[in-house]
Amino acid sequence: MLAALLLLAFPAPSPAPVAPRKCGEITVKSRDYLVKADQVRCKTAKKWARRYLGQGFRPSGYTCRNGDSQTQLRFRCWKRDKTYFAIKR
């Protein structure tokens, strides 16, 4: 009984955050970008990033924001814990 109460009072620690994977570079409209992804396959992230940068395509259910002109971040799209983004090179 006491052990059950202690388990409820002190939940298990959450896993440590992991840095996004570097998926590689893409070129869109003669500009180079580095694509990074977290919880999204690199092949998919690069395809979606190319379409977002070229045509403004946003995958269903994802929220996308363009980066500030004073940063290297071009855009970021996310859906819960899934995210991908492109950085100007």
PDB file of N, CA and C in Angstrom:
ATOM      1  N   MET A   1       0.832  -1.190   0.000  1.00  0.00           N
ATOM      2  CA  MET A   1       0.000   0.000   0.000  1.00  0.00           C
ATOM      3  C   MET A   1       0.876   1.253   0.000  1.00  0.00           C
ATOM      4  N   LEU A   2       1.862   1.280   0.879  1.00  0.00           N
ATOM      5  CA  LEU A   2       2.764   2.433   0.962  1.00  0.00           C
ATOM      6  C   LEU A   2       3.546   2.604  -0.335  1.00  0.00           C
ATOM      7  N   ALA A   3       3.963   1.480  -0.922  1.00  0.00           N
ATOM      8  CA  ALA A   3       4.714   1.541  -2.181  1.00  0.00           C
ATOM      9  C   ALA A   3       3.855   2.135  -3.296  1.00  0.00           C
ATOM     10  N   ALA A   4       2.589   1.779  -3.328  1.00  0.00           N
ATOM     11  CA  ALA A   4       1.686   2.316  -4.350  1.00  0.00           C
ATOM     12  C   ALA A   4       1.514   3.818  -4.182  1.00  0.00           C
ATOM     13  N   LEU A   5       1.413   4.283  -2.948  1.00  0.00           N
ATOM     14  CA  LEU A   5       1.291   5.716  -2.702  1.00  0.00           C
ATOM     15  C   LEU A   5       2.559   6.457  -3.107  1.00  0.00           C
ATOM     16  N   LEU A   6       3.713   5.854  -2.841  1.00  0.00           N
ATOM     17  CA  LEU A   6       4.978   6.485  -3.229  1.00  0.00           C
ATOM     18  C   LEU A   6       5.106   6.568  -4.749  1.00  0.00           C
ATOM     19  N   LEU A   7       4.660   5.541  -5.454  1.00  0.00           N
ATOM     20  CA  LEU A   7       4.709   5.565  -6.914  1.00  0.00           C
ATOM     21  C   LEU A   7       3.821   6.666  -7.484  1.00  0.00           C
ATOM     22  N   LEU A   8       2.690   6.895  -6.862  1.00  0.00           N
ATOM     23  CA  LEU A   8       1.797   7.960  -7.317  1.00  0.00           C
ATOM     24  C   LEU A   8       2.353   9.342  -6.985  1.00  0.00           C
ATOM     25  N   ALA A   9       3.020   9.452  -5.856  1.00  0.00           N
ATOM     26  CA  ALA A   9       3.551  10.738  -5.417  1.00  0.00           C
ATOM     27  C   ALA A   9       4.792  11.145  -6.212  1.00  0.00           C
ATOM     28  N   PHE A  10       5.596  10.161  -6.624  1.00  0.00           N
ATOM     29  CA  PHE A  10       6.827  10.439  -7.347  1.00  0.00           C
ATOM     30  C   PHE A  10       6.797   9.732  -8.705  1.00  0.00           C
ATOM     31  N   PRO A  11       6.269  10.405  -9.716  1.00  0.00           N
ATOM     32  CA  PRO A  11       6.179   9.761 -11.026  1.00  0.00           C
ATOM     33  C   PRO A  11       7.570   9.515 -11.608  1.00  0.00           C
ATOM     34  N   ALA A  12       7.639   8.602 -12.556  1.00  0.00           N
ATOM     35  CA  ALA A  12       8.909   8.277 -13.215  1.00  0.00           C
ATOM     36  C   ALA A  12       9.403   9.488 -13.983  1.00  0.00           C
ATOM     37  N   PRO A  13      10.710   9.681 -14.019  1.00  0.00           N
ATOM     38  CA  PRO A  13      11.246  10.821 -14.766  1.00  0.00           C
ATOM     39  C   PRO A  13      10.989  10.666 -16.258  1.00  0.00           C
ATOM     40  N   SER A  14      10.753  11.771 -16.923  1.00  0.00           N
ATOM     41  CA  SER A  14      10.528  11.724 -18.361  1.00  0.00           C
ATOM     42  C   SER A  14      11.866  11.572 -19.076  1.00  0.00           C
ATOM     43  N   PRO A  15      11.850  11.002 -20.274  1.00  0.00           N
ATOM     44  CA  PRO A  15      13.104  10.825 -21.000  1.00  0.00           C
ATOM     45  C   PRO A  15      13.717  12.179 -21.362  1.00  0.00           C
ATOM     46  N   ALA A  16      15.012  12.201 -21.464  1.00  0.00           N
ATOM     47  CA  ALA A  16      15.716  13.441 -21.797  1.00  0.00           C
ATOM     48  C   ALA A  16      15.395  13.848 -23.236  1.00  0.00           C
ATOM     49  N   PRO A  17      15.281  15.130 -23.501  1.00  0.00           N
ATOM     50  CA  PRO A  17      15.020  15.575 -24.870  1.00  0.00           C
ATOM     51  C   PRO A  17      16.204  15.246 -25.771  1.00  0.00           C
ATOM     52  N   VAL A  18      15.904  14.942 -27.009  1.00  0.00           N
ATOM     53  CA  VAL A  18      16.930  14.583 -27.986  1.00  0.00           C
ATOM     54  C   VAL A  18      16.969  15.680 -29.043  1.00  0.00           C
ATOM     55  N   ALA A  19      18.158  16.049 -29.448  1.00  0.00           N
ATOM     56  CA  ALA A  19      18.318  17.081 -30.474  1.00  0.00           C
ATOM     57  C   ALA A  19      17.769  16.581 -31.811  1.00  0.00           C
ATOM     58  N   PRO A  20      17.213  17.483 -32.622  1.00  0.00           N
ATOM     59  CA  PRO A  20      16.707  17.077 -33.939  1.00  0.00           C
ATOM     60  C   PRO A  20      17.829  16.521 -34.817  1.00  0.00           C
ATOM     61  N   ARG A  21      17.474  15.574 -35.686  1.00  0.00           N
ATOM     62  CA  ARG A  21      18.437  14.990 -36.626  1.00  0.00           C
ATOM     63  C   ARG A  21      18.696  15.948 -37.770  1.00  0.00           C
ATOM     64  N   LYS A  22      19.931  15.977 -38.225  1.00  0.00           N
ATOM     65  CA  LYS A  22      20.270  16.711 -39.443  1.00  0.00           C
ATOM     66  C   LYS A  22      19.940  15.804 -40.615  1.00  0.00           C
ATOM     67  N   CYS A  23      19.020  16.246 -41.454  1.00  0.00           N
ATOM     68  CA  CYS A  23      18.578  15.418 -42.575  1.00  0.00           C
ATOM     69  C   CYS A  23      19.314  15.714 -43.872  1.00  0.00           C
ATOM     70  N   GLY A  24      20.088  16.756 -43.906  1.00  0.00           N
ATOM     71  CA  GLY A  24      20.834  17.087 -45.109  1.00  0.00           C
ATOM     72  C   GLY A  24      20.371  18.392 -45.721  1.00  0.00           C
ATOM     73  N   GLU A  25      21.031  18.739 -46.814  1.00  0.00           N
ATOM     74  CA  GLU A  25      20.741  20.009 -47.490  1.00  0.00           C
ATOM     75  C   GLU A  25      19.831  19.790 -48.686  1.00  0.00           C
ATOM     76  N   ILE A  26      19.017  20.796 -48.962  1.00  0.00           N
ATOM     77  CA  ILE A  26      18.189  20.831 -50.160  1.00  0.00           C
ATOM     78  C   ILE A  26      18.393  22.185 -50.820  1.00  0.00           C
ATOM     79  N   THR A  27      18.103  22.253 -52.106  1.00  0.00           N
ATOM     80  CA  THR A  27      18.166  23.507 -52.845  1.00  0.00           C
ATOM     81  C   THR A  27      16.789  23.795 -53.416  1.00  0.00           C
ATOM     82  N   VAL A  28      16.277  24.983 -53.106  1.00  0.00           N
ATOM     83  CA  VAL A  28      14.975  25.419 -53.613  1.00  0.00           C
ATOM     84  C   VAL A  28      15.143  26.831 -54.133  1.00  0.00           C
ATOM     85  N   LYS A  29      14.778  27.032 -55.395  1.00  0.00           N
ATOM     86  CA  LYS A  29      14.883  28.351 -56.024  1.00  0.00           C
ATOM     87  C   LYS A  29      16.283  28.936 -55.855  1.00  0.00           C
ATOM     88  N   SER A  30      17.289  28.140 -56.141  1.00  0.00           N
ATOM     89  CA  SER A  30      18.706  28.534 -56.104  1.00  0.00           C
ATOM     90  C   SER A  30      19.217  28.917 -54.721  1.00  0.00           C
ATOM     91  N   ARG A  31      18.518  28.526 -53.676  1.00  0.00           N
ATOM     92  CA  ARG A  31      18.976  28.786 -52.306  1.00  0.00           C
ATOM     93  C   ARG A  31      19.142  27.459 -51.578  1.00  0.00           C
ATOM     94  N   ASP A  32      20.171  27.395 -50.739  1.00  0.00           N
ATOM     95  CA  ASP A  32      20.466  26.172 -50.002  1.00  0.00           C
ATOM     96  C   ASP A  32      19.927  26.252 -48.584  1.00  0.00           C
ATOM     97  N   TYR A  33      19.366  25.144 -48.123  1.00  0.00           N
ATOM     98  CA  TYR A  33      18.805  25.048 -46.778  1.00  0.00           C
ATOM     99  C   TYR A  33      19.247  23.740 -46.138  1.00  0.00           C
ATOM    100  N   LEU A  34      19.443  23.761 -44.833  1.00  0.00           N
ATOM    101  CA  LEU A  34      19.700  22.565 -44.051  1.00  0.00           C
ATOM    102  C   LEU A  34      18.389  22.173 -43.390  1.00  0.00           C
ATOM    103  N   VAL A  35      17.958  20.941 -43.590  1.00  0.00           N
ATOM    104  CA  VAL A  35      16.698  20.455 -43.021  1.00  0.00           C
ATOM    105  C   VAL A  35      17.010  19.624 -41.788  1.00  0.00           C
ATOM    106  N   LYS A  36      16.262  19.865 -40.716  1.00  0.00           N
ATOM    107  CA  LYS A  36      16.371  19.084 -39.489  1.00  0.00           C
ATOM    108  C   LYS A  36      14.985  18.596 -39.115  1.00  0.00           C
ATOM    109  N   ALA A  37      14.943  17.429 -38.453  1.00  0.00           N
ATOM    110  CA  ALA A  37      13.649  16.835 -38.094  1.00  0.00           C
ATOM    111  C   ALA A  37      13.732  16.136 -36.750  1.00  0.00           C
ATOM    112  N   ASP A  38      12.607  16.121 -36.061  1.00  0.00           N
ATOM    113  CA  ASP A  38      12.474  15.408 -34.801  1.00  0.00           C
ATOM    114  C   ASP A  38      11.167  14.622 -34.850  1.00  0.00           C
ATOM    115  N   GLN A  39      11.236  13.303 -34.714  1.00  0.00           N
ATOM    116  CA  GLN A  39      10.091  12.400 -34.757  1.00  0.00           C
ATOM    117  C   GLN A  39       9.449  12.340 -36.149  1.00  0.00           C
ATOM    118  N   VAL A  40      10.191  12.760 -37.188  1.00  0.00           N
ATOM    119  CA  VAL A  40       9.734  12.672 -38.574  1.00  0.00           C
ATOM    120  C   VAL A  40      10.890  12.056 -39.366  1.00  0.00           C
ATOM    121  N   ARG A  41      10.586  11.140 -40.282  1.00  0.00           N
ATOM    122  CA  ARG A  41      11.639  10.555 -41.105  1.00  0.00           C
ATOM    123  C   ARG A  41      12.296  11.630 -41.961  1.00  0.00           C
ATOM    124  N   CYS A  42      13.599  11.514 -42.140  1.00  0.00           N
ATOM    125  CA  CYS A  42      14.333  12.521 -42.910  1.00  0.00           C
ATOM    126  C   CYS A  42      13.843  12.609 -44.353  1.00  0.00           C
ATOM    127  N   LYS A  43      13.557  11.474 -44.959  1.00  0.00           N
ATOM    128  CA  LYS A  43      13.075  11.484 -46.338  1.00  0.00           C
ATOM    129  C   LYS A  43      11.786  12.304 -46.445  1.00  0.00           C
ATOM    130  N   THR A  44      10.893  12.111 -45.501  1.00  0.00           N
ATOM    131  CA  THR A  44       9.622  12.845 -45.488  1.00  0.00           C
ATOM    132  C   THR A  44       9.850  14.318 -45.180  1.00  0.00           C
ATOM    133  N   ALA A  45      10.710  14.612 -44.207  1.00  0.00           N
ATOM    134  CA  ALA A  45      10.971  16.007 -43.824  1.00  0.00           C
ATOM    135  C   ALA A  45      11.567  16.793 -44.986  1.00  0.00           C
ATOM    136  N   LYS A  46      12.484  16.189 -45.717  1.00  0.00           N
ATOM    137  CA  LYS A  46      13.097  16.886 -46.858  1.00  0.00           C
ATOM    138  C   LYS A  46      12.074  17.129 -47.961  1.00  0.00           C
ATOM    139  N   LYS A  47      11.213  16.148 -48.214  1.00  0.00           N
ATOM    140  CA  LYS A  47      10.176  16.306 -49.244  1.00  0.00           C
ATOM    141  C   LYS A  47       9.207  17.416 -48.854  1.00  0.00           C
ATOM    142  N   TRP A  48       8.752  17.399 -47.587  1.00  0.00           N
ATOM    143  CA  TRP A  48       7.820  18.419 -47.122  1.00  0.00           C
ATOM    144  C   TRP A  48       8.461  19.793 -47.087  1.00  0.00           C
ATOM    145  N   ALA A  49       9.723  19.871 -46.682  1.00  0.00           N
ATOM    146  CA  ALA A  49      10.416  21.166 -46.633  1.00  0.00           C
ATOM    147  C   ALA A  49      10.567  21.741 -48.035  1.00  0.00           C
ATOM    148  N   ARG A  50      10.906  20.891 -48.994  1.00  0.00           N
ATOM    149  CA  ARG A  50      11.046  21.355 -50.379  1.00  0.00           C
ATOM    150  C   ARG A  50       9.714  21.903 -50.891  1.00  0.00           C
ATOM    151  N   ARG A  51       8.635  21.211 -50.579  1.00  0.00           N
ATOM    152  CA  ARG A  51       7.315  21.667 -51.039  1.00  0.00           C
ATOM    153  C   ARG A  51       6.870  22.925 -50.306  1.00  0.00           C
ATOM    154  N   TYR A  52       7.179  23.036 -49.006  1.00  0.00           N
ATOM    155  CA  TYR A  52       6.795  24.243 -48.262  1.00  0.00           C
ATOM    156  C   TYR A  52       7.554  25.454 -48.783  1.00  0.00           C
ATOM    157  N   LEU A  53       8.849  25.303 -48.992  1.00  0.00           N
ATOM    158  CA  LEU A  53       9.662  26.427 -49.474  1.00  0.00           C
ATOM    159  C   LEU A  53       9.303  26.816 -50.899  1.00  0.00           C
ATOM    160  N   GLY A  54       8.939  25.852 -51.722  1.00  0.00           N
ATOM    161  CA  GLY A  54       8.640  26.144 -53.120  1.00  0.00           C
ATOM    162  C   GLY A  54       7.214  26.591 -53.379  1.00  0.00           C
ATOM    163  N   GLN A  55       6.258  25.980 -52.666  1.00  0.00           N
ATOM    164  CA  GLN A  55       4.854  26.214 -52.987  1.00  0.00           C
ATOM    165  C   GLN A  55       3.998  26.620 -51.801  1.00  0.00           C
ATOM    166  N   GLY A  56       4.571  26.628 -50.593  1.00  0.00           N
ATOM    167  CA  GLY A  56       3.790  26.964 -49.410  1.00  0.00           C
ATOM    168  C   GLY A  56       2.935  25.811 -48.917  1.00  0.00           C
ATOM    169  N   PHE A  57       3.222  24.582 -49.383  1.00  0.00           N
ATOM    170  CA  PHE A  57       2.470  23.395 -48.973  1.00  0.00           C
ATOM    171  C   PHE A  57       2.713  23.111 -47.500  1.00  0.00           C
ATOM    172  N   ARG A  58       1.624  22.852 -46.780  1.00  0.00           N
ATOM    173  CA  ARG A  58       1.698  22.489 -45.355  1.00  0.00           C
ATOM    174  C   ARG A  58       0.971  21.172 -45.178  1.00  0.00           C
ATOM    175  N   PRO A  59       1.634  20.151 -44.587  1.00  0.00           N
ATOM    176  CA  PRO A  59       0.980  18.861 -44.395  1.00  0.00           C
ATOM    177  C   PRO A  59      -0.265  18.988 -43.505  1.00  0.00           C
ATOM    178  N   SER A  60      -1.216  18.129 -43.718  1.00  0.00           N
ATOM    179  CA  SER A  60      -2.457  18.138 -42.958  1.00  0.00           C
ATOM    180  C   SER A  60      -2.188  17.992 -41.465  1.00  0.00           C
ATOM    181  N   GLY A  61      -2.772  18.884 -40.676  1.00  0.00           N
ATOM    182  CA  GLY A  61      -2.636  18.835 -39.226  1.00  0.00           C
ATOM    183  C   GLY A  61      -1.415  19.554 -38.676  1.00  0.00           C
ATOM    184  N   TYR A  62      -0.499  19.975 -39.523  1.00  0.00           N
ATOM    185  CA  TYR A  62       0.719  20.663 -39.079  1.00  0.00           C
ATOM    186  C   TYR A  62       0.490  22.174 -39.033  1.00  0.00           C
ATOM    187  N   THR A  63       1.127  22.816 -38.077  1.00  0.00           N
ATOM    188  CA  THR A  63       1.143  24.269 -37.977  1.00  0.00           C
ATOM    189  C   THR A  63       2.527  24.731 -38.406  1.00  0.00           C
ATOM    190  N   CYS A  64       2.603  25.713 -39.268  1.00  0.00           N
ATOM    191  CA  CYS A  64       3.897  26.199 -39.763  1.00  0.00           C
ATOM    192  C   CYS A  64       4.033  27.691 -39.513  1.00  0.00           C
ATOM    193  N   ARG A  65       5.215  28.103 -39.142  1.00  0.00           N
ATOM    194  CA  ARG A  65       5.529  29.520 -38.945  1.00  0.00           C
ATOM    195  C   ARG A  65       6.833  29.832 -39.655  1.00  0.00           C
ATOM    196  N   ASN A  66       6.862  30.951 -40.346  1.00  0.00           N
ATOM    197  CA  ASN A  66       8.097  31.402 -40.974  1.00  0.00           C
ATOM    198  C   ASN A  66       8.989  32.058 -39.936  1.00  0.00           C
ATOM    199  N   GLY A  67      10.287  31.911 -40.120  1.00  0.00           N
ATOM    200  CA  GLY A  67      11.236  32.511 -39.198  1.00  0.00           C
ATOM    201  C   GLY A  67      11.355  34.008 -39.417  1.00  0.00           C
ATOM    202  N   ASP A  68      11.857  34.699 -38.427  1.00  0.00           N
ATOM    203  CA  ASP A  68      12.098  36.132 -38.497  1.00  0.00           C
ATOM    204  C   ASP A  68      13.204  36.409 -39.514  1.00  0.00           C
ATOM    205  N   SER A  69      13.163  37.545 -40.172  1.00  0.00           N
ATOM    206  CA  SER A  69      14.172  37.879 -41.175  1.00  0.00           C
ATOM    207  C   SER A  69      15.558  38.061 -40.557  1.00  0.00           C
ATOM    208  N   GLN A  70      15.643  38.235 -39.258  1.00  0.00           N
ATOM    209  CA  GLN A  70      16.930  38.440 -38.601  1.00  0.00           C
ATOM    210  C   GLN A  70      17.548  37.129 -38.103  1.00  0.00           C
ATOM    211  N   THR A  71      16.902  35.994 -38.366  1.00  0.00           N
ATOM    212  CA  THR A  71      17.439  34.701 -37.945  1.00  0.00           C
ATOM    213  C   THR A  71      17.719  33.839 -39.172  1.00  0.00           C
ATOM    214  N   GLN A  72      18.475  32.772 -38.976  1.00  0.00           N
ATOM    215  CA  GLN A  72      18.754  31.833 -40.057  1.00  0.00           C
ATOM    216  C   GLN A  72      17.610  30.836 -40.256  1.00  0.00           C
ATOM    217  N   LEU A  73      16.716  30.739 -39.274  1.00  0.00           N
ATOM    218  CA  LEU A  73      15.596  29.805 -39.375  1.00  0.00           C
ATOM    219  C   LEU A  73      14.616  30.301 -40.430  1.00  0.00           C
ATOM    220  N   ARG A  74      14.399  29.503 -41.465  1.00  0.00           N
ATOM    221  CA  ARG A  74      13.497  29.909 -42.551  1.00  0.00           C
ATOM    222  C   ARG A  74      12.040  29.620 -42.197  1.00  0.00           C
ATOM    223  N   PHE A  75      11.785  28.411 -41.650  1.00  0.00           N
ATOM    224  CA  PHE A  75      10.433  28.059 -41.201  1.00  0.00           C
ATOM    225  C   PHE A  75      10.525  26.895 -40.225  1.00  0.00           C
ATOM    226  N   ARG A  76       9.413  26.660 -39.531  1.00  0.00           N
ATOM    227  CA  ARG A  76       9.288  25.497 -38.642  1.00  0.00           C
ATOM    228  C   ARG A  76       7.854  25.018 -38.702  1.00  0.00           C
ATOM    229  N   CYS A  77       7.676  23.711 -38.855  1.00  0.00           N
ATOM    230  CA  CYS A  77       6.345  23.102 -38.861  1.00  0.00           C
ATOM    231  C   CYS A  77       6.295  22.054 -37.759  1.00  0.00           C
ATOM    232  N   TRP A  78       5.151  21.970 -37.053  1.00  0.00           N
ATOM    233  CA  TRP A  78       5.025  21.010 -35.971  1.00  0.00           C
ATOM    234  C   TRP A  78       3.596  20.504 -35.848  1.00  0.00           C
ATOM    235  N   LYS A  79       3.520  19.317 -35.262  1.00  0.00           N
ATOM    236  CA  LYS A  79       2.242  18.668 -34.947  1.00  0.00           C
ATOM    237  C   LYS A  79       2.516  17.824 -33.715  1.00  0.00           C
ATOM    238  N   ARG A  80       2.056  18.264 -32.568  1.00  0.00           N
ATOM    239  CA  ARG A  80       2.362  17.658 -31.274  1.00  0.00           C
ATOM    240  C   ARG A  80       3.871  17.582 -31.088  1.00  0.00           C
ATOM    241  N   ASP A  81       4.436  16.373 -30.991  1.00  0.00           N
ATOM    242  CA  ASP A  81       5.874  16.261 -30.756  1.00  0.00           C
ATOM    243  C   ASP A  81       6.666  16.080 -32.046  1.00  0.00           C
ATOM    244  N   LYS A  82       5.999  16.064 -33.188  1.00  0.00           N
ATOM    245  CA  LYS A  82       6.681  15.939 -34.471  1.00  0.00           C
ATOM    246  C   LYS A  82       7.001  17.325 -35.009  1.00  0.00           C
ATOM    247  N   THR A  83       8.235  17.526 -35.445  1.00  0.00           N
ATOM    248  CA  THR A  83       8.614  18.835 -35.968  1.00  0.00           C
ATOM    249  C   THR A  83       9.693  18.692 -37.023  1.00  0.00           C
ATOM    250  N   TYR A  84       9.697  19.620 -37.965  1.00  0.00           N
ATOM    251  CA  TYR A  84      10.774  19.718 -38.941  1.00  0.00           C
ATOM    252  C   TYR A  84      10.938  21.186 -39.302  1.00  0.00           C
ATOM    253  N   PHE A  85      12.157  21.546 -39.702  1.00  0.00           N
ATOM    254  CA  PHE A  85      12.423  22.946 -40.020  1.00  0.00           C
ATOM    255  C   PHE A  85      13.598  23.059 -40.966  1.00  0.00           C
ATOM    256  N   ALA A  86      13.763  24.239 -41.557  1.00  0.00           N
ATOM    257  CA  ALA A  86      14.853  24.501 -42.487  1.00  0.00           C
ATOM    258  C   ALA A  86      15.613  25.735 -42.036  1.00  0.00           C
ATOM    259  N   ILE A  87      16.936  25.663 -42.191  1.00  0.00           N
ATOM    260  CA  ILE A  87      17.841  26.744 -41.832  1.00  0.00           C
ATOM    261  C   ILE A  87      18.544  27.228 -43.091  1.00  0.00           C
ATOM    262  N   LYS A  88      18.635  28.536 -43.268  1.00  0.00           N
ATOM    263  CA  LYS A  88      19.330  29.095 -44.424  1.00  0.00           C
ATOM    264  C   LYS A  88      20.810  28.747 -44.350  1.00  0.00           C
ATOM    265  N   ARG A  89      21.408  28.426 -45.489  1.00  0.00           N
ATOM    266  CA  ARG A  89      22.850  28.146 -45.543  1.00  0.00           C
ATOM    267  C   ARG A  89      23.562  29.254 -46.246  1.00  0.00           C
TER     268      ARG A  89
END
